[in-house]
């Protein structure tokens, strides 16, 4: 009888947890916050780059975090890993952002111009692509979203005026024919201008999200303020998805889309919580989250979401705490943690970065949680181990002429072929995701040239590091680079570059 009552109590507690929809409440805080709110800075949106850094749209323009081992290493001082991009952009002026091939960063500015940033680690310089935008002489609503597909095509969504497509508009490798100059303080494209084509789905359509089909790369899925659309790049044809189990007049706004391995779509909405579209059955299902008070007009806005595991999503619930959504039973568990009490209950973004850290924006405050340390929030998303390796940033000749760099023929990092008189150079290198307080130490070697590893002194700050190679004889070599952070051992992940010095003619 005692055992029966014990299990009855346990079941009762479990039911309370399920009915309240709360999870992860505990004494030890899960999250830390970036100290930006004390300066009056509000954060809105994040982009986790392939290289490990995080771009943040804020009330003062762009901010950037590079401290991904522990995001709390970021400080607003001279040692900061955050850089403010204000020289062109007005406050509260960034419209949207996306990352293209070779980690090139594109964004829509406050005047809806599209710009890009060559170097992922320099946020204070920008460039104009070889097309004119917004369209000259046409009515134009503000940019709402940017998306770059696997071909480097750029898609520009608007808030209420459909979307635009620029073929290879984000593919810098294809821009060899481009020539531009400044005339009367205006940028003029004299050669290689790319065509900007407007695609009309229907009148007054706003496009807020894109996703490329996992099977047919010509198919693009679009989330709009009137539901889900399917677009064919090869024919420029599009159609609205009318599910057989829903009223064709039903309208909802899709804010983000992810495809699962079966080719079906999960999406977030501003009205109905999470949604699911089964392509084979042509059926949609919506999953509103629990609310204390509900009426016929109650809405369930989710701004975005990201994978926690194959069957779970972290969700940014716009009128509440962040939550975990379970796809198998369509339920939510809110992350009710004391550390999140410093901001109002409005979650506008949530991401897992390349190193496995959970990041979120709630009430305009940027929070972070190292999922490797906080087991209660650990994800099944494996960190990209290549980001733990050092990387080569550039190879520069003694006269400061670049041979190759991240944004200048980066394919040469695989095999660097040099003339016999280019046998002296500097190899610049760096590492992703470290705290400014931690000591960084590099070592490099070229077998047949150096006498083993050349171990360099450790340093604390964002120092520019390079290896000087002088009078390398003709032949084939391998440049190797390794790193250690703080008191850890030398990391197993290394950077390598084949170097071939040609013989004199």
Protein backbone atom coordinates (compact mmCIF):
# COMPACT_ATOMS: atom_id res chain seq x y z
CA UNK A 1 0.00 0.00 0.00
CA UNK A 2 2.86 2.37 0.83
CA UNK A 3 4.50 1.60 -2.53
CA UNK A 4 1.21 2.30 -4.31
CA UNK A 5 0.88 5.75 -2.71
CA UNK A 6 4.51 6.53 -3.51
CA UNK A 7 3.97 5.88 -7.20
CA UNK A 8 0.70 7.79 -7.08
CA UNK A 9 2.61 10.82 -5.75
CA UNK A 10 5.27 10.52 -8.48
CA UNK A 11 2.63 10.28 -11.22
CA UNK A 12 0.83 13.28 -9.75
CA UNK A 13 3.99 15.38 -9.84
CA UNK A 14 4.60 14.33 -13.44
CA UNK A 15 1.08 15.40 -14.39
CA UNK A 16 1.64 18.80 -12.79
CA UNK A 17 4.80 19.21 -14.88
CA UNK A 18 2.98 18.30 -18.08
CA UNK A 19 -0.03 20.49 -17.45
CA UNK A 20 2.04 23.54 -16.56
CA UNK A 21 4.35 22.97 -19.53
CA UNK A 22 7.41 23.99 -17.52
CA UNK A 23 10.83 22.41 -17.70
CA UNK A 24 14.37 22.86 -16.44
CA UNK A 25 13.39 24.84 -13.30
CA UNK A 26 16.30 24.39 -10.91
CA UNK A 27 18.44 26.28 -8.42
CA UNK A 28 21.59 26.60 -10.52
CA UNK A 29 20.99 29.19 -13.28
CA UNK A 30 21.25 27.77 -16.77
CA UNK A 31 21.88 31.01 -18.64
CA UNK A 32 24.17 34.01 -18.44
CA UNK A 33 23.39 37.28 -20.17
CA UNK A 34 25.58 39.54 -22.20
CA UNK A 35 25.85 42.90 -20.35
CA UNK A 36 24.40 45.04 -23.13
CA UNK A 37 21.07 46.04 -21.58
CA UNK A 38 22.86 48.14 -18.95
CA UNK A 39 24.06 50.33 -21.84
CA UNK A 40 20.55 50.61 -23.27
CA UNK A 41 21.33 48.22 -26.15
CA UNK A 42 18.57 45.89 -27.32
CA UNK A 43 19.19 42.76 -29.40
CA UNK A 44 16.77 41.49 -32.03
CA UNK A 45 18.15 38.72 -34.22
CA UNK A 46 21.16 36.39 -34.53
CA UNK A 47 23.03 34.62 -37.31
CA UNK A 48 25.42 31.81 -36.35
CA UNK A 49 28.07 31.75 -39.05
CA UNK A 50 29.79 28.68 -40.45
CA UNK A 51 33.06 29.97 -39.04
CA UNK A 52 31.85 29.97 -35.46
CA UNK A 53 31.07 33.64 -34.82
CA UNK A 54 27.62 35.10 -34.09
CA UNK A 55 26.24 38.20 -35.78
CA UNK A 56 23.64 40.12 -33.80
CA UNK A 57 21.24 42.76 -35.08
CA UNK A 58 20.85 45.30 -32.30
CA UNK A 59 19.50 48.78 -31.62
CA UNK A 60 22.93 50.25 -32.47
CA UNK A 61 23.55 48.27 -35.63
CA UNK A 62 25.59 45.09 -35.80
CA UNK A 63 27.31 43.41 -32.91
CA UNK A 64 29.53 40.38 -33.23
CA UNK A 65 30.47 37.64 -30.82
CA UNK A 66 33.45 35.41 -31.37
CA UNK A 67 33.73 33.88 -27.92
CA UNK A 68 31.94 30.62 -28.55
CA UNK A 69 33.62 28.44 -26.02
CA UNK A 70 31.94 30.61 -23.42
CA UNK A 71 30.04 33.56 -24.82
CA UNK A 72 30.50 35.38 -21.50
CA UNK A 73 34.10 36.15 -22.49
CA UNK A 74 32.71 39.08 -24.50
CA UNK A 75 33.13 42.49 -22.88
CA UNK A 76 32.32 45.99 -24.05
CA UNK A 77 35.80 47.47 -23.74
CA UNK A 78 39.00 47.71 -25.74
CA UNK A 79 39.50 43.97 -25.43
CA UNK A 80 36.06 43.29 -26.85
CA UNK A 81 35.14 40.55 -29.28
CA UNK A 82 32.15 42.66 -30.26
CA UNK A 83 32.42 45.24 -32.98
CA UNK A 84 29.83 47.89 -33.73
CA UNK A 85 28.90 48.60 -37.34
CA UNK A 86 27.54 52.17 -37.38
CA UNK A 87 29.45 54.10 -40.01
CA UNK A 88 26.81 53.47 -42.69
CA UNK A 89 23.80 52.09 -40.88
CA UNK A 90 21.33 54.07 -38.81
CA UNK A 91 20.38 52.81 -35.39
CA UNK A 92 17.65 50.15 -35.56
CA UNK A 93 18.46 50.05 -39.25
CA UNK A 94 19.38 46.46 -40.16
CA UNK A 95 16.58 44.72 -42.05
CA UNK A 96 17.85 41.17 -42.56
CA UNK A 97 21.03 39.11 -42.96
CA UNK A 98 22.25 35.85 -44.52
CA UNK A 99 25.51 33.96 -45.05
CA UNK A 100 26.60 32.95 -48.53
CA UNK A 101 29.32 30.78 -50.06
CA UNK A 102 32.83 31.11 -48.59
CA UNK A 103 31.30 32.58 -45.41
CA UNK A 104 30.55 35.89 -47.12
CA UNK A 105 28.01 37.85 -45.11
CA UNK A 106 25.12 39.73 -46.81
CA UNK A 107 22.69 42.12 -45.18
CA UNK A 108 19.94 44.62 -45.96
CA UNK A 109 20.66 48.10 -44.60
CA UNK A 110 18.24 50.69 -43.27
CA UNK A 111 17.59 52.07 -46.77
CA UNK A 112 16.98 48.50 -48.08
CA UNK A 113 20.30 48.47 -49.94
CA UNK A 114 21.99 45.07 -50.09
CA UNK A 115 25.63 45.01 -48.98
CA UNK A 116 28.15 42.31 -48.16
CA UNK A 117 31.15 41.80 -45.95
CA UNK A 118 34.15 39.95 -47.43
CA UNK A 119 35.94 39.01 -44.26
CA UNK A 120 33.88 37.22 -41.62
CA UNK A 121 36.04 38.72 -38.87
CA UNK A 122 35.89 42.34 -39.98
CA UNK A 123 32.49 43.90 -39.40
CA UNK A 124 33.53 47.50 -40.07
CA UNK A 125 34.03 47.18 -43.83
CA UNK A 126 31.40 46.46 -46.44
CA UNK A 127 30.98 46.29 -50.20
CA UNK A 128 28.24 46.60 -52.80
CA UNK A 129 27.26 43.63 -55.00
CA UNK A 130 26.99 43.99 -58.79
CA UNK A 131 23.27 44.79 -58.92
CA UNK A 132 21.05 47.73 -58.09
CA UNK A 133 18.64 47.36 -55.19
CA UNK A 134 16.02 48.44 -54.25
CA UNK A 135 14.52 48.74 -57.72
CA UNK A 136 14.69 52.24 -59.17
CA UNK A 137 11.37 53.89 -59.97
CA UNK A 138 9.19 51.14 -58.47
CA UNK A 139 7.03 51.19 -55.35
CA UNK A 140 8.91 49.17 -52.77
CA UNK A 141 8.16 47.86 -49.30
CA UNK A 142 10.93 47.17 -46.81
CA UNK A 143 13.12 44.06 -46.93
CA UNK A 144 11.85 41.38 -44.55
CA UNK A 145 14.22 38.47 -45.23
CA UNK A 146 17.34 37.39 -47.11
CA UNK A 147 18.18 33.86 -48.23
CA UNK A 148 21.09 32.38 -50.20
CA UNK A 149 20.71 28.92 -51.70
CA UNK A 150 23.38 26.34 -52.54
CA UNK A 151 23.93 27.87 -55.99
CA UNK A 152 24.67 31.30 -54.58
CA UNK A 153 21.34 32.71 -55.79
CA UNK A 154 20.13 35.55 -53.58
CA UNK A 155 16.46 35.83 -52.61
CA UNK A 156 15.12 39.05 -51.11
CA UNK A 157 11.77 38.88 -49.34
CA UNK A 158 9.69 42.00 -48.68
CA UNK A 159 7.12 42.77 -46.00
CA UNK A 160 4.18 43.11 -48.39
CA UNK A 161 5.51 43.17 -51.97
CA UNK A 162 6.46 39.56 -52.80
CA UNK A 163 10.15 38.74 -53.38
CA UNK A 164 13.12 39.21 -55.71
CA UNK A 165 15.62 36.76 -57.12
CA UNK A 166 19.19 37.58 -58.18
CA UNK A 167 20.86 34.66 -59.98
CA UNK A 168 24.36 34.17 -58.51
CA UNK A 169 23.73 37.39 -56.60
CA UNK A 170 25.76 36.03 -53.67
CA UNK A 171 28.30 33.94 -55.59
CA UNK A 172 31.48 35.98 -55.50
CA UNK A 173 33.45 33.36 -57.43
CA UNK A 174 31.32 34.14 -60.51
CA UNK A 175 32.00 37.88 -60.34
CA UNK A 176 35.30 37.87 -62.26
CA UNK A 177 33.73 39.97 -65.03
CA UNK A 178 32.38 42.66 -62.71
CA UNK A 179 33.58 46.26 -62.96
CA UNK A 180 32.25 49.12 -60.82
CA UNK A 181 33.19 52.75 -60.21
CA UNK A 182 31.94 55.76 -58.29
CA UNK A 183 30.36 58.56 -60.36
CA UNK A 184 29.07 61.71 -58.62
CA UNK A 185 29.15 59.91 -55.26
CA UNK A 186 27.05 57.06 -56.64
CA UNK A 187 28.13 53.51 -57.38
CA UNK A 188 27.89 52.62 -61.07
CA UNK A 189 28.19 49.08 -62.43
CA UNK A 190 29.98 49.33 -65.77
CA UNK A 191 30.33 45.61 -66.47
CA UNK A 192 28.83 42.36 -65.23
CA UNK A 193 25.61 43.72 -63.72
CA UNK A 194 23.40 40.94 -62.34
CA UNK A 195 19.68 40.92 -63.07
CA UNK A 196 17.21 41.49 -60.25
CA UNK A 197 13.92 39.78 -61.05
CA UNK A 198 10.71 40.32 -59.14
CA UNK A 199 8.58 37.22 -58.53
CA UNK A 200 4.90 37.86 -57.84
CA UNK A 201 3.10 35.17 -55.86
CA UNK A 202 -0.09 37.18 -55.30
CA UNK A 203 -0.98 40.79 -54.45
CA UNK A 204 0.13 42.06 -51.03
CA UNK A 205 2.20 38.98 -50.20
CA UNK A 206 4.96 39.34 -47.62
CA UNK A 207 7.78 36.76 -47.68
CA UNK A 208 9.41 36.05 -44.32
CA UNK A 209 11.26 32.74 -44.68
CA UNK A 210 12.87 30.46 -47.26
CA UNK A 211 14.12 26.87 -47.31
CA UNK A 212 15.68 24.79 -50.07
CA UNK A 213 14.17 21.40 -50.79
CA UNK A 214 16.36 18.51 -49.68
CA UNK A 215 15.78 16.44 -52.84
CA UNK A 216 15.11 18.81 -55.73
CA UNK A 217 17.52 21.75 -55.48
CA UNK A 218 15.37 23.74 -57.92
CA UNK A 219 12.52 23.79 -55.41
CA UNK A 220 12.35 26.56 -52.82
CA UNK A 221 9.81 26.69 -50.02
CA UNK A 222 8.63 30.10 -48.88
CA UNK A 223 6.84 31.18 -45.73
CA UNK A 224 4.53 34.14 -46.33
CA UNK A 225 1.80 36.09 -44.56
CA UNK A 226 -0.67 33.94 -46.51
CA UNK A 227 0.75 30.53 -45.80
CA UNK A 228 3.19 28.22 -47.56
CA UNK A 229 4.35 28.57 -51.17
CA UNK A 230 6.42 26.30 -53.42
CA UNK A 231 8.70 27.93 -56.01
CA UNK A 232 10.51 26.27 -58.93
CA UNK A 233 13.76 28.05 -59.82
CA UNK A 234 14.07 26.42 -63.23
CA UNK A 235 10.67 27.65 -64.44
CA UNK A 236 9.99 30.60 -62.08
CA UNK A 237 6.62 28.98 -61.34
CA UNK A 238 5.09 29.13 -57.88
CA UNK A 239 1.96 27.85 -56.18
CA UNK A 240 0.33 28.16 -52.80
CA UNK A 241 0.03 24.96 -50.80
CA UNK A 242 -3.63 24.24 -50.12
CA UNK A 243 -3.76 21.34 -47.70
CA UNK A 244 -6.66 18.93 -48.25
CA UNK A 245 -7.59 19.04 -44.56
CA UNK A 246 -7.66 22.86 -44.20
CA UNK A 247 -9.95 25.64 -45.38
CA UNK A 248 -8.37 27.21 -48.49
CA UNK A 249 -9.17 30.66 -47.10
CA UNK A 250 -7.18 30.08 -43.92
CA UNK A 251 -4.36 32.63 -43.58
CA UNK A 252 -1.28 32.36 -41.36
CA UNK A 253 2.24 33.80 -41.34
CA UNK A 254 5.21 31.41 -41.56
CA UNK A 255 8.34 32.78 -39.90
CA UNK A 256 10.82 29.90 -40.30
CA UNK A 257 11.01 26.54 -42.15
CA UNK A 258 13.03 23.37 -41.62
CA UNK A 259 12.83 20.17 -43.67
CA UNK A 260 13.20 16.76 -42.03
CA UNK A 261 14.94 13.74 -43.54
CA UNK A 262 11.67 12.50 -45.07
CA UNK A 263 11.30 15.76 -47.00
CA UNK A 264 8.39 17.05 -44.93
CA UNK A 265 8.29 20.56 -43.49
CA UNK A 266 8.23 21.88 -39.95
CA UNK A 267 7.48 25.58 -39.69
CA UNK A 268 6.72 28.26 -37.10
CA UNK A 269 3.83 30.71 -37.38
CA UNK A 270 2.69 33.96 -35.80
CA UNK A 271 -0.82 32.67 -35.22
CA UNK A 272 -0.90 28.92 -34.63
CA UNK A 273 2.38 27.90 -33.01
CA UNK A 274 4.39 25.17 -34.72
CA UNK A 275 3.12 23.63 -37.94
CA UNK A 276 3.85 20.52 -39.98
CA UNK A 277 3.28 19.82 -43.68
CA UNK A 278 3.29 16.24 -44.98
CA UNK A 279 4.14 16.46 -48.69
CA UNK A 280 3.02 12.93 -49.54
CA UNK A 281 -0.39 13.29 -47.88
CA UNK A 282 -0.73 17.02 -48.62
CA UNK A 283 -1.87 17.65 -45.06
CA UNK A 284 -1.04 20.32 -42.50
CA UNK A 285 -1.22 20.19 -38.74
CA UNK A 286 -0.79 23.01 -36.21
CA UNK A 287 0.39 22.76 -32.62
CA UNK A 288 -0.53 25.73 -30.39
CA UNK A 289 1.23 25.91 -27.04
CA UNK A 290 -0.63 25.97 -23.70
CA UNK A 291 -2.04 29.30 -22.46
CA UNK A 292 -3.91 30.13 -19.27
CA UNK A 293 -6.57 32.24 -20.97
CA UNK A 294 -7.88 31.47 -24.45
CA UNK A 295 -10.57 32.90 -26.70
CA UNK A 296 -11.52 32.26 -30.31
CA UNK A 297 -9.06 34.99 -31.40
CA UNK A 298 -6.09 33.86 -29.28
CA UNK A 299 -2.84 33.64 -31.24
CA UNK A 300 0.31 31.57 -30.62
CA UNK A 301 3.25 33.46 -32.13
CA UNK A 302 6.60 31.70 -32.59
CA UNK A 303 9.31 33.81 -34.25
CA UNK A 304 11.73 31.00 -35.10
CA UNK A 305 13.09 27.62 -33.98
CA UNK A 306 16.12 25.36 -34.35
CA UNK A 307 16.93 21.69 -33.92
CA UNK A 308 17.70 20.33 -30.47
CA UNK A 309 17.60 16.72 -31.68
CA UNK A 310 15.96 14.80 -34.52
CA UNK A 311 12.64 14.94 -32.66
CA UNK A 312 12.94 18.18 -30.67
CA UNK A 313 13.15 21.88 -31.43
CA UNK A 314 14.15 24.87 -29.38
CA UNK A 315 11.42 27.46 -30.06
CA UNK A 316 11.35 31.26 -29.66
CA UNK A 317 7.87 31.89 -28.26
CA UNK A 318 7.17 35.58 -28.78
CA UNK A 319 4.80 36.07 -25.85
CA UNK A 320 6.46 33.75 -23.37
CA UNK A 321 9.58 31.91 -22.29
CA UNK A 322 11.59 29.87 -24.78
CA UNK A 323 10.42 26.29 -25.02
CA UNK A 324 11.34 22.83 -26.25
CA UNK A 325 8.84 21.42 -28.75
CA UNK A 326 8.51 17.64 -29.02
CA UNK A 327 7.57 16.59 -32.53
CA UNK A 328 6.41 13.09 -31.61
CA UNK A 329 3.50 14.26 -29.45
CA UNK A 330 3.24 17.96 -30.35
CA UNK A 331 3.80 19.24 -26.81
CA UNK A 332 5.88 22.08 -25.39
CA UNK A 333 8.07 22.35 -22.29
CA UNK A 334 8.92 25.92 -21.34
CA UNK A 335 12.44 26.64 -20.12
CA UNK A 336 11.48 28.24 -16.82
CA UNK A 337 14.82 29.28 -15.39
CA UNK A 338 15.54 31.99 -12.81
CA UNK A 339 18.29 33.47 -14.98
CA UNK A 340 15.68 34.53 -17.56
CA UNK A 341 13.72 36.66 -15.08
CA UNK A 342 15.79 39.74 -15.97
CA UNK A 343 13.72 40.36 -19.11
CA UNK A 344 10.09 40.38 -20.20
CA UNK A 345 8.60 37.15 -21.50
CA UNK A 346 9.09 37.70 -25.20
CA UNK A 347 11.56 35.37 -26.96
CA UNK A 348 12.43 36.59 -30.45
CA UNK A 349 15.34 34.39 -31.47
CA UNK A 350 16.95 31.10 -30.48
CA UNK A 351 19.94 29.34 -32.02
CA UNK A 352 22.47 26.57 -31.37
CA UNK A 353 25.83 27.76 -32.67
CA UNK A 354 28.51 25.72 -34.40
CA UNK A 355 30.19 24.89 -31.10
CA UNK A 356 27.00 23.60 -29.47
CA UNK A 357 26.10 26.61 -27.32
CA UNK A 358 22.45 27.56 -26.92
CA UNK A 359 21.85 31.28 -27.56
CA UNK A 360 18.61 33.20 -27.26
CA UNK A 361 17.21 36.72 -27.26
CA UNK A 362 14.45 37.40 -24.76
CA UNK A 363 13.07 40.84 -24.05
CA UNK A 364 15.90 42.34 -26.08
CA UNK A 365 18.57 40.67 -23.91
CA UNK A 366 21.12 38.24 -25.33
CA UNK A 367 21.46 35.06 -23.20
CA UNK A 368 23.84 32.15 -23.63
CA UNK A 369 24.14 28.66 -22.23
CA UNK A 370 27.09 26.37 -22.82
CA UNK A 371 25.35 23.10 -23.59
CA UNK A 372 28.54 21.17 -22.97
CA UNK A 373 28.41 22.30 -19.33
CA UNK A 374 24.64 22.46 -18.75
CA UNK A 375 23.60 18.85 -19.24
CA UNK A 376 19.92 19.64 -18.76
CA UNK A 377 19.93 21.58 -22.02
CA UNK A 378 22.43 19.43 -23.94
CA UNK A 379 21.54 18.98 -27.60
CA UNK A 380 22.10 16.12 -30.00
CA UNK A 381 23.60 18.59 -32.45
CA UNK A 382 27.27 17.70 -32.57
CA UNK A 383 29.67 20.65 -32.48
CA UNK A 384 31.72 21.10 -35.62
CA UNK A 385 35.10 19.74 -34.52
CA UNK A 386 36.84 21.50 -37.41
CA UNK A 387 36.10 24.78 -35.65
CA UNK A 388 38.40 23.70 -32.85
CA UNK A 389 41.30 23.70 -35.28
CA UNK A 390 43.35 26.80 -36.09
CA UNK A 391 42.94 28.12 -39.61
CA UNK A 392 45.09 29.97 -42.13
CA UNK A 393 43.87 33.49 -42.77
CA UNK A 394 46.23 34.70 -45.51
CA UNK A 395 49.60 34.29 -47.22
CA UNK A 396 51.34 37.60 -47.87
CA UNK A 397 54.56 38.42 -49.77
CA UNK A 398 57.21 40.71 -48.18
CA UNK A 399 55.90 43.65 -50.28
CA UNK A 400 52.46 43.13 -48.60
CA UNK A 401 50.99 41.70 -51.79
CA UNK A 402 48.45 38.99 -50.90
CA UNK A 403 48.84 35.60 -52.56
CA UNK A 404 45.73 34.09 -51.01
CA UNK A 405 43.31 34.96 -48.21
CA UNK A 406 39.94 33.94 -46.82
CA UNK A 407 38.22 36.26 -49.29
CA UNK A 408 40.87 36.11 -52.06
CA UNK A 409 41.30 32.76 -53.87
CA UNK A 410 40.72 30.70 -50.69
CA UNK A 411 40.98 27.47 -52.72
CA UNK A 412 44.76 28.04 -52.79
CA UNK A 413 44.88 27.12 -49.10
CA UNK A 414 44.62 23.49 -50.26
CA UNK A 415 47.66 23.74 -52.51
CA UNK A 416 49.74 26.89 -52.68
CA UNK A 417 51.76 27.01 -55.91
CA UNK A 418 54.46 29.70 -55.91
CA UNK A 419 57.14 30.85 -58.30
CA UNK A 420 60.79 30.32 -57.36
CA UNK A 421 61.12 34.03 -56.48
CA UNK A 422 58.06 33.91 -54.18
CA UNK A 423 59.85 31.67 -51.70
CA UNK A 424 59.69 34.17 -48.82
CA UNK A 425 56.30 35.00 -47.32
CA UNK A 426 54.24 35.27 -44.16
CA UNK A 427 51.45 32.87 -43.22
CA UNK A 428 48.79 34.59 -41.09
CA UNK A 429 46.58 32.38 -38.93
CA UNK A 430 43.88 32.50 -36.27
CA UNK A 431 41.50 30.37 -34.20
CA UNK A 432 37.72 30.40 -33.80
CA UNK A 433 35.81 30.65 -30.56
CA UNK A 434 38.03 31.55 -27.67
CA UNK A 435 37.66 33.90 -24.73
CA UNK A 436 39.84 36.97 -24.67
CA UNK A 437 41.10 36.03 -21.18
CA UNK A 438 42.41 32.65 -22.22
CA UNK A 439 46.01 32.26 -23.29
CA UNK A 440 46.40 31.16 -26.90
CA UNK A 441 49.58 29.43 -28.12
CA UNK A 442 50.38 28.40 -31.68
CA UNK A 443 53.08 26.17 -33.14
CA UNK A 444 53.97 25.56 -36.77
CA UNK A 445 56.36 23.46 -38.79
CA UNK A 446 57.40 22.68 -42.36
CA UNK A 447 59.10 19.30 -42.57
CA UNK A 448 62.39 19.63 -44.40
CA UNK A 449 62.60 23.32 -43.58
CA UNK A 450 62.13 23.87 -39.84
CA UNK A 451 63.82 21.95 -37.08
CA UNK A 452 60.60 20.49 -35.67
CA UNK A 453 57.72 22.55 -34.27
CA UNK A 454 58.27 26.28 -33.88
CA UNK A 455 56.43 27.02 -30.63
CA UNK A 456 55.41 30.66 -30.30
CA UNK A 457 54.83 32.61 -27.07
CA UNK A 458 51.29 32.60 -25.72
CA UNK A 459 49.17 35.76 -25.74
CA UNK A 460 45.89 36.92 -24.27
CA UNK A 461 44.32 39.31 -26.73
CA UNK A 462 43.34 39.51 -30.39
CA UNK A 463 46.94 39.65 -31.57
CA UNK A 464 47.74 39.25 -35.27
CA UNK A 465 49.84 36.10 -35.58
CA UNK A 466 51.93 34.87 -38.46
CA UNK A 467 54.77 32.54 -39.37
CA UNK A 468 57.69 33.94 -41.37
CA UNK A 469 59.03 31.64 -44.07
CA UNK A 470 62.29 32.78 -45.71
CA UNK A 471 64.14 31.38 -48.72
CA UNK A 472 62.20 28.14 -49.10
CA UNK A 473 63.98 26.02 -51.72
CA UNK A 474 62.11 24.64 -54.76
CA UNK A 475 60.13 21.54 -53.89
CA UNK A 476 56.92 20.31 -52.26
CA UNK A 477 56.24 20.95 -48.57
CA UNK A 478 53.43 20.78 -46.02
CA UNK A 479 52.84 23.68 -43.67
CA UNK A 480 51.29 22.45 -40.39
CA UNK A 481 49.73 24.54 -37.65
CA UNK A 482 48.46 23.54 -34.20
CA UNK A 483 47.12 25.40 -31.18
CA UNK A 484 46.50 25.10 -27.48
CA UNK A 485 44.13 27.22 -25.39
CA UNK A 486 44.79 27.95 -21.73
CA UNK A 487 46.01 24.90 -19.82
CA UNK A 488 44.66 22.35 -22.26
CA UNK A 489 46.88 20.02 -24.32
CA UNK A 490 47.71 20.74 -27.95
CA UNK A 491 44.52 20.21 -29.92
CA UNK A 492 44.41 17.23 -32.25
CA UNK A 493 42.74 19.30 -34.97
CA UNK A 494 45.35 21.03 -37.12
CA UNK A 495 45.51 23.23 -40.20
CA UNK A 496 47.60 22.02 -43.13
CA UNK A 497 48.58 23.59 -46.43
CA UNK A 498 50.60 22.05 -49.27
CA UNK A 499 53.25 24.45 -50.61
CA UNK A 500 54.91 23.94 -53.98
CA UNK A 501 57.89 26.15 -54.92
CA UNK A 502 58.64 26.01 -58.64
CA UNK A 503 62.16 25.66 -60.02
CA UNK A 504 63.70 28.62 -61.92
CA UNK A 505 62.99 28.58 -65.66
